[in-house]
């Protein structure tokens, strides 16, 4: 029987610049579903990227009533653990509901959102065929760069003596994105199931 386990966890405060900060969350996926290119993955996303995803999914699936995201309140306090955890729970519930709908699962943006670190602009470009890489290429490339072992990419092997030591960057290499934070996925995702 097919399953998709999604966990939204590990909220972290990131500094954009001297005056602005935001919180991003790790999205961990473990699945045996044929809909997914990778069976395990984890990426970091911020709230406004979830807002973008919901808007795109809604525009492509007009007849489906999508679940709501946690409300964006002006009183949200990044230093209040209750506020942060309430939002984290709401984001997880949103993804759990989205992943139960076969029509939504067919949207390439959802897969790029969950399994690459591409920015919304880069995801749009990829889905509309304006990039040199396909959706599957983007997911495979990100997964290989995000793992802690050598990459089967001939271009990367040239000039690299030890690909295993080149594991500090979790960048997809597919365009600009704010993914300088290592994801910290565990090697045995089965133990993460609840």
C-alpha atoms as a PDB file:
ATOM      1  CA  UNK A   1       0.000   0.000   0.000  1.00  0.00           C
ATOM      2  CA  UNK A   2       1.284   3.448  -0.935  1.00  0.00           C
ATOM      3  CA  UNK A   3       2.063   5.974   1.761  1.00  0.00           C
ATOM      4  CA  UNK A   4       3.464   9.480   1.971  1.00  0.00           C
ATOM      5  CA  UNK A   5       4.865  10.683   5.275  1.00  0.00           C
ATOM      6  CA  UNK A   6       5.482  14.411   5.494  1.00  0.00           C
ATOM      7  CA  UNK A   7       6.986  16.174   8.489  1.00  0.00           C
ATOM      8  CA  UNK A   8       7.397  19.907   8.877  1.00  0.00           C
ATOM      9  CA  UNK A   9       9.969  20.413  11.616  1.00  0.00           C
ATOM     10  CA  UNK A  10      13.073  22.192  12.855  1.00  0.00           C
ATOM     11  CA  UNK A  11      12.050  25.871  12.570  1.00  0.00           C
ATOM     12  CA  UNK A  12      15.125  28.102  12.253  1.00  0.00           C
ATOM     13  CA  UNK A  13      15.486  31.859  12.220  1.00  0.00           C
ATOM     14  CA  UNK A  14      17.403  33.122   9.170  1.00  0.00           C
ATOM     15  CA  UNK A  15      18.743  36.635   8.734  1.00  0.00           C
ATOM     16  CA  UNK A  16      17.947  38.291   5.413  1.00  0.00           C
ATOM     17  CA  UNK A  17      19.884  41.422   6.232  1.00  0.00           C
ATOM     18  CA  UNK A  18      20.657  43.613   9.246  1.00  0.00           C
ATOM     19  CA  UNK A  19      16.995  44.450   9.901  1.00  0.00           C
ATOM     20  CA  UNK A  20      15.018  41.524   8.531  1.00  0.00           C
ATOM     21  CA  UNK A  21      14.751  37.899   9.631  1.00  0.00           C
ATOM     22  CA  UNK A  22      12.412  35.058   8.786  1.00  0.00           C
ATOM     23  CA  UNK A  23      11.764  31.498   9.923  1.00  0.00           C
ATOM     24  CA  UNK A  24      12.141  28.544   7.621  1.00  0.00           C
ATOM     25  CA  UNK A  25      11.093  24.956   8.231  1.00  0.00           C
ATOM     26  CA  UNK A  26      12.487  21.624   7.176  1.00  0.00           C
ATOM     27  CA  UNK A  27      10.081  19.567   5.049  1.00  0.00           C
ATOM     28  CA  UNK A  28      10.893  15.872   5.260  1.00  0.00           C
ATOM     29  CA  UNK A  29       9.258  13.426   2.828  1.00  0.00           C
ATOM     30  CA  UNK A  30       9.368   9.634   3.059  1.00  0.00           C
ATOM     31  CA  UNK A  31       7.216   7.708   0.587  1.00  0.00           C
ATOM     32  CA  UNK A  32       6.864   4.649  -1.567  1.00  0.00           C
ATOM     33  CA  UNK A  33       4.416   6.447  -3.895  1.00  0.00           C
ATOM     34  CA  UNK A  34       5.041   6.137  -7.619  1.00  0.00           C
ATOM     35  CA  UNK A  35       4.136   9.842  -7.910  1.00  0.00           C
ATOM     36  CA  UNK A  36       7.488  10.834  -6.384  1.00  0.00           C
ATOM     37  CA  UNK A  37      10.835  10.832  -8.167  1.00  0.00           C
ATOM     38  CA  UNK A  38      12.755  10.549  -4.873  1.00  0.00           C
ATOM     39  CA  UNK A  39      11.490   8.350  -2.061  1.00  0.00           C
ATOM     40  CA  UNK A  40      13.095  10.450   0.684  1.00  0.00           C
ATOM     41  CA  UNK A  41      13.986  14.109   0.638  1.00  0.00           C
ATOM     42  CA  UNK A  42      14.204  17.162   2.825  1.00  0.00           C
ATOM     43  CA  UNK A  43      14.281  20.833   1.969  1.00  0.00           C
ATOM     44  CA  UNK A  44      13.875  24.103   3.861  1.00  0.00           C
ATOM     45  CA  UNK A  45      11.030  26.477   3.001  1.00  0.00           C
ATOM     46  CA  UNK A  46       9.699  29.705   4.452  1.00  0.00           C
ATOM     47  CA  UNK A  47       6.072  30.752   4.929  1.00  0.00           C
ATOM     48  CA  UNK A  48       5.854  32.964   1.849  1.00  0.00           C
ATOM     49  CA  UNK A  49       6.951  30.013  -0.325  1.00  0.00           C
ATOM     50  CA  UNK A  50       4.003  28.010   1.069  1.00  0.00           C
ATOM     51  CA  UNK A  51       1.746  30.961   0.126  1.00  0.00           C
ATOM     52  CA  UNK A  52       3.167  30.876  -3.424  1.00  0.00           C
ATOM     53  CA  UNK A  53       2.612  27.104  -3.652  1.00  0.00           C
ATOM     54  CA  UNK A  54      -1.002  27.351  -2.519  1.00  0.00           C
ATOM     55  CA  UNK A  55      -1.721  30.113  -5.050  1.00  0.00           C
ATOM     56  CA  UNK A  56      -0.191  28.105  -7.903  1.00  0.00           C
ATOM     57  CA  UNK A  57      -1.985  24.884  -6.958  1.00  0.00           C
ATOM     58  CA  UNK A  58      -5.298  26.747  -6.688  1.00  0.00           C
ATOM     59  CA  UNK A  59      -4.868  28.380 -10.103  1.00  0.00           C
ATOM     60  CA  UNK A  60      -4.234  24.953 -11.690  1.00  0.00           C
ATOM     61  CA  UNK A  61      -7.002  23.099  -9.831  1.00  0.00           C
ATOM     62  CA  UNK A  62      -9.829  25.615  -9.875  1.00  0.00           C
ATOM     63  CA  UNK A  63     -12.545  23.132  -8.883  1.00  0.00           C
ATOM     64  CA  UNK A  64     -10.707  21.858  -5.801  1.00  0.00           C
ATOM     65  CA  UNK A  65     -11.087  23.667  -2.504  1.00  0.00           C
ATOM     66  CA  UNK A  66      -7.557  23.743  -1.159  1.00  0.00           C
ATOM     67  CA  UNK A  67      -6.902  23.621   2.579  1.00  0.00           C
ATOM     68  CA  UNK A  68      -6.015  26.900   4.218  1.00  0.00           C
ATOM     69  CA  UNK A  69      -2.557  27.852   5.429  1.00  0.00           C
ATOM     70  CA  UNK A  70      -2.175  29.075   9.001  1.00  0.00           C
ATOM     71  CA  UNK A  71      -3.238  32.711   9.046  1.00  0.00           C
ATOM     72  CA  UNK A  72      -0.550  35.333   8.564  1.00  0.00           C
ATOM     73  CA  UNK A  73      -1.113  37.387  11.658  1.00  0.00           C
ATOM     74  CA  UNK A  74       0.494  40.792  12.259  1.00  0.00           C
ATOM     75  CA  UNK A  75       1.031  39.638  15.851  1.00  0.00           C
ATOM     76  CA  UNK A  76       3.193  36.662  14.856  1.00  0.00           C
ATOM     77  CA  UNK A  77       6.289  36.695  17.060  1.00  0.00           C
ATOM     78  CA  UNK A  78       9.321  34.729  15.852  1.00  0.00           C
ATOM     79  CA  UNK A  79      10.625  34.664  19.420  1.00  0.00           C
ATOM     80  CA  UNK A  80       7.460  33.034  20.768  1.00  0.00           C
ATOM     81  CA  UNK A  81       7.848  29.222  20.592  1.00  0.00           C
ATOM     82  CA  UNK A  82       4.045  28.768  20.768  1.00  0.00           C
ATOM     83  CA  UNK A  83       3.497  30.999  17.701  1.00  0.00           C
ATOM     84  CA  UNK A  84       6.252  29.232  15.752  1.00  0.00           C
ATOM     85  CA  UNK A  85       5.010  25.747  16.630  1.00  0.00           C
ATOM     86  CA  UNK A  86       1.389  26.658  15.847  1.00  0.00           C
ATOM     87  CA  UNK A  87       2.478  27.785  12.372  1.00  0.00           C
ATOM     88  CA  UNK A  88       4.629  24.662  11.919  1.00  0.00           C
ATOM     89  CA  UNK A  89       1.641  22.438  12.767  1.00  0.00           C
ATOM     90  CA  UNK A  90      -0.576  24.372  10.340  1.00  0.00           C
ATOM     91  CA  UNK A  91       1.978  24.006   7.537  1.00  0.00           C
ATOM     92  CA  UNK A  92       2.247  20.261   8.178  1.00  0.00           C
ATOM     93  CA  UNK A  93      -1.554  19.841   8.145  1.00  0.00           C
ATOM     94  CA  UNK A  94      -1.702  21.818   4.878  1.00  0.00           C
ATOM     95  CA  UNK A  95       0.848  19.516   3.209  1.00  0.00           C
ATOM     96  CA  UNK A  96      -0.770  16.347   4.601  1.00  0.00           C
ATOM     97  CA  UNK A  97      -4.106  17.337   3.021  1.00  0.00           C
ATOM     98  CA  UNK A  98      -2.503  18.409  -0.278  1.00  0.00           C
ATOM     99  CA  UNK A  99      -0.653  15.094  -0.580  1.00  0.00           C
ATOM    100  CA  UNK A 100      -3.916  13.119  -0.325  1.00  0.00           C
ATOM    101  CA  UNK A 101      -5.299  14.588  -3.562  1.00  0.00           C
ATOM    102  CA  UNK A 102      -4.322  12.748  -6.751  1.00  0.00           C
ATOM    103  CA  UNK A 103      -4.939  15.798  -8.959  1.00  0.00           C
ATOM    104  CA  UNK A 104      -2.675  18.017  -6.845  1.00  0.00           C
ATOM    105  CA  UNK A 105      -0.020  15.279  -6.783  1.00  0.00           C
ATOM    106  CA  UNK A 106       0.207  15.586 -10.561  1.00  0.00           C
ATOM    107  CA  UNK A 107       1.364  19.229 -10.316  1.00  0.00           C
ATOM    108  CA  UNK A 108       5.108  19.519 -11.010  1.00  0.00           C
ATOM    109  CA  UNK A 109       5.363  22.650  -8.848  1.00  0.00           C
ATOM    110  CA  UNK A 110       4.415  20.606  -5.789  1.00  0.00           C
ATOM    111  CA  UNK A 111       7.228  18.127  -6.452  1.00  0.00           C
ATOM    112  CA  UNK A 112       9.786  20.870  -7.060  1.00  0.00           C
ATOM    113  CA  UNK A 113       8.642  22.599  -3.868  1.00  0.00           C
ATOM    114  CA  UNK A 114       8.993  19.424  -1.800  1.00  0.00           C
ATOM    115  CA  UNK A 115      12.119  17.938  -3.361  1.00  0.00           C
ATOM    116  CA  UNK A 116      14.353  20.785  -4.536  1.00  0.00           C
ATOM    117  CA  UNK A 117      15.580  24.044  -3.086  1.00  0.00           C
ATOM    118  CA  UNK A 118      14.679  26.026  -6.220  1.00  0.00           C
ATOM    119  CA  UNK A 119      13.174  29.456  -5.693  1.00  0.00           C
ATOM    120  CA  UNK A 120       9.547  30.027  -6.786  1.00  0.00           C
ATOM    121  CA  UNK A 121      10.817  31.893  -9.876  1.00  0.00           C
ATOM    122  CA  UNK A 122      13.086  28.989 -10.828  1.00  0.00           C
ATOM    123  CA  UNK A 123      10.292  26.467 -10.226  1.00  0.00           C
ATOM    124  CA  UNK A 124       7.995  28.434 -12.564  1.00  0.00           C
ATOM    125  CA  UNK A 125      10.722  28.609 -15.216  1.00  0.00           C
ATOM    126  CA  UNK A 126      11.368  24.861 -14.935  1.00  0.00           C
ATOM    127  CA  UNK A 127       7.669  23.905 -15.152  1.00  0.00           C
ATOM    128  CA  UNK A 128       7.139  26.167 -18.180  1.00  0.00           C
ATOM    129  CA  UNK A 129      10.144  24.665 -20.013  1.00  0.00           C
ATOM    130  CA  UNK A 130      12.360  27.758 -19.829  1.00  0.00           C
ATOM    131  CA  UNK A 131      15.292  25.933 -18.219  1.00  0.00           C
ATOM    132  CA  UNK A 132      17.920  23.525 -19.551  1.00  0.00           C
ATOM    133  CA  UNK A 133      16.794  20.978 -16.941  1.00  0.00           C
ATOM    134  CA  UNK A 134      13.500  19.114 -16.572  1.00  0.00           C
ATOM    135  CA  UNK A 135      11.543  18.685 -13.341  1.00  0.00           C
ATOM    136  CA  UNK A 136      13.008  15.180 -12.887  1.00  0.00           C
ATOM    137  CA  UNK A 137      16.528  16.498 -13.603  1.00  0.00           C
ATOM    138  CA  UNK A 138      16.087  19.219 -10.979  1.00  0.00           C
ATOM    139  CA  UNK A 139      14.917  16.731  -8.349  1.00  0.00           C
ATOM    140  CA  UNK A 140      17.728  14.243  -9.087  1.00  0.00           C
ATOM    141  CA  UNK A 141      20.380  16.974  -9.176  1.00  0.00           C
ATOM    142  CA  UNK A 142      19.267  18.479  -5.878  1.00  0.00           C
ATOM    143  CA  UNK A 143      19.040  15.081  -4.195  1.00  0.00           C
ATOM    144  CA  UNK A 144      22.557  14.134  -5.282  1.00  0.00           C
ATOM    145  CA  UNK A 145      23.973  17.456  -4.091  1.00  0.00           C
ATOM    146  CA  UNK A 146      22.133  17.261  -0.789  1.00  0.00           C
ATOM    147  CA  UNK A 147      23.434  13.809   0.089  1.00  0.00           C
ATOM    148  CA  UNK A 148      26.694  12.974   1.802  1.00  0.00           C
ATOM    149  CA  UNK A 149      28.280  10.803  -0.858  1.00  0.00           C
ATOM    150  CA  UNK A 150      29.820  11.238  -4.338  1.00  0.00           C
ATOM    151  CA  UNK A 151      27.808  12.485  -7.278  1.00  0.00           C
ATOM    152  CA  UNK A 152      27.533  10.589 -10.571  1.00  0.00           C
ATOM    153  CA  UNK A 153      27.875  13.752 -12.629  1.00  0.00           C
ATOM    154  CA  UNK A 154      30.889  13.789 -14.945  1.00  0.00           C
ATOM    155  CA  UNK A 155      31.150  17.595 -14.911  1.00  0.00           C
ATOM    156  CA  UNK A 156      31.335  17.590 -11.107  1.00  0.00           C
ATOM    157  CA  UNK A 157      33.963  14.823 -11.101  1.00  0.00           C
ATOM    158  CA  UNK A 158      36.304  16.898 -13.268  1.00  0.00           C
ATOM    159  CA  UNK A 159      38.577  18.911 -11.023  1.00  0.00           C
ATOM    160  CA  UNK A 160      37.180  17.319  -7.856  1.00  0.00           C
ATOM    161  CA  UNK A 161      39.514  14.837  -6.210  1.00  0.00           C
ATOM    162  CA  UNK A 162      37.194  13.917  -3.372  1.00  0.00           C
ATOM    163  CA  UNK A 163      33.484  14.554  -3.951  1.00  0.00           C
ATOM    164  CA  UNK A 164      32.657  13.342  -0.437  1.00  0.00           C
ATOM    165  CA  UNK A 165      34.386  16.339   1.126  1.00  0.00           C
ATOM    166  CA  UNK A 166      32.369  18.680  -1.099  1.00  0.00           C
ATOM    167  CA  UNK A 167      29.250  18.190   1.026  1.00  0.00           C
ATOM    168  CA  UNK A 168      28.974  21.454   2.939  1.00  0.00           C
ATOM    169  CA  UNK A 169      26.793  23.186   0.366  1.00  0.00           C
ATOM    170  CA  UNK A 170      23.225  22.052  -0.129  1.00  0.00           C
ATOM    171  CA  UNK A 171      22.826  24.278  -3.171  1.00  0.00           C
ATOM    172  CA  UNK A 172      20.921  22.753  -6.035  1.00  0.00           C
ATOM    173  CA  UNK A 173      23.306  24.280  -8.555  1.00  0.00           C
ATOM    174  CA  UNK A 174      20.250  24.979 -10.687  1.00  0.00           C
ATOM    175  CA  UNK A 175      19.836  28.677 -10.071  1.00  0.00           C
ATOM    176  CA  UNK A 176      19.881  31.232  -7.306  1.00  0.00           C
ATOM    177  CA  UNK A 177      18.214  30.254  -4.069  1.00  0.00           C
ATOM    178  CA  UNK A 178      18.663  30.847  -0.384  1.00  0.00           C
ATOM    179  CA  UNK A 179      19.645  27.301   0.523  1.00  0.00           C
ATOM    180  CA  UNK A 180      22.984  27.755   2.209  1.00  0.00           C
ATOM    181  CA  UNK A 181      21.844  25.782   5.234  1.00  0.00           C
ATOM    182  CA  UNK A 182      22.546  22.076   5.357  1.00  0.00           C
ATOM    183  CA  UNK A 183      19.308  20.160   5.690  1.00  0.00           C
ATOM    184  CA  UNK A 184      20.497  17.615   8.230  1.00  0.00           C
ATOM    185  CA  UNK A 185      18.434  14.688   6.937  1.00  0.00           C
ATOM    186  CA  UNK A 186      18.940  11.431   8.728  1.00  0.00           C
ATOM    187  CA  UNK A 187      20.209   8.396   6.868  1.00  0.00           C
ATOM    188  CA  UNK A 188      17.417   6.144   8.157  1.00  0.00           C
ATOM    189  CA  UNK A 189      14.143   7.951   7.517  1.00  0.00           C
ATOM    190  CA  UNK A 190      12.031   4.954   8.537  1.00  0.00           C
ATOM    191  CA  UNK A 191      12.675   5.779  12.181  1.00  0.00           C
ATOM    192  CA  UNK A 192      11.047   9.184  11.652  1.00  0.00           C
ATOM    193  CA  UNK A 193       7.591   7.787  10.912  1.00  0.00           C
ATOM    194  CA  UNK A 194       4.890   8.506  13.452  1.00  0.00           C
END
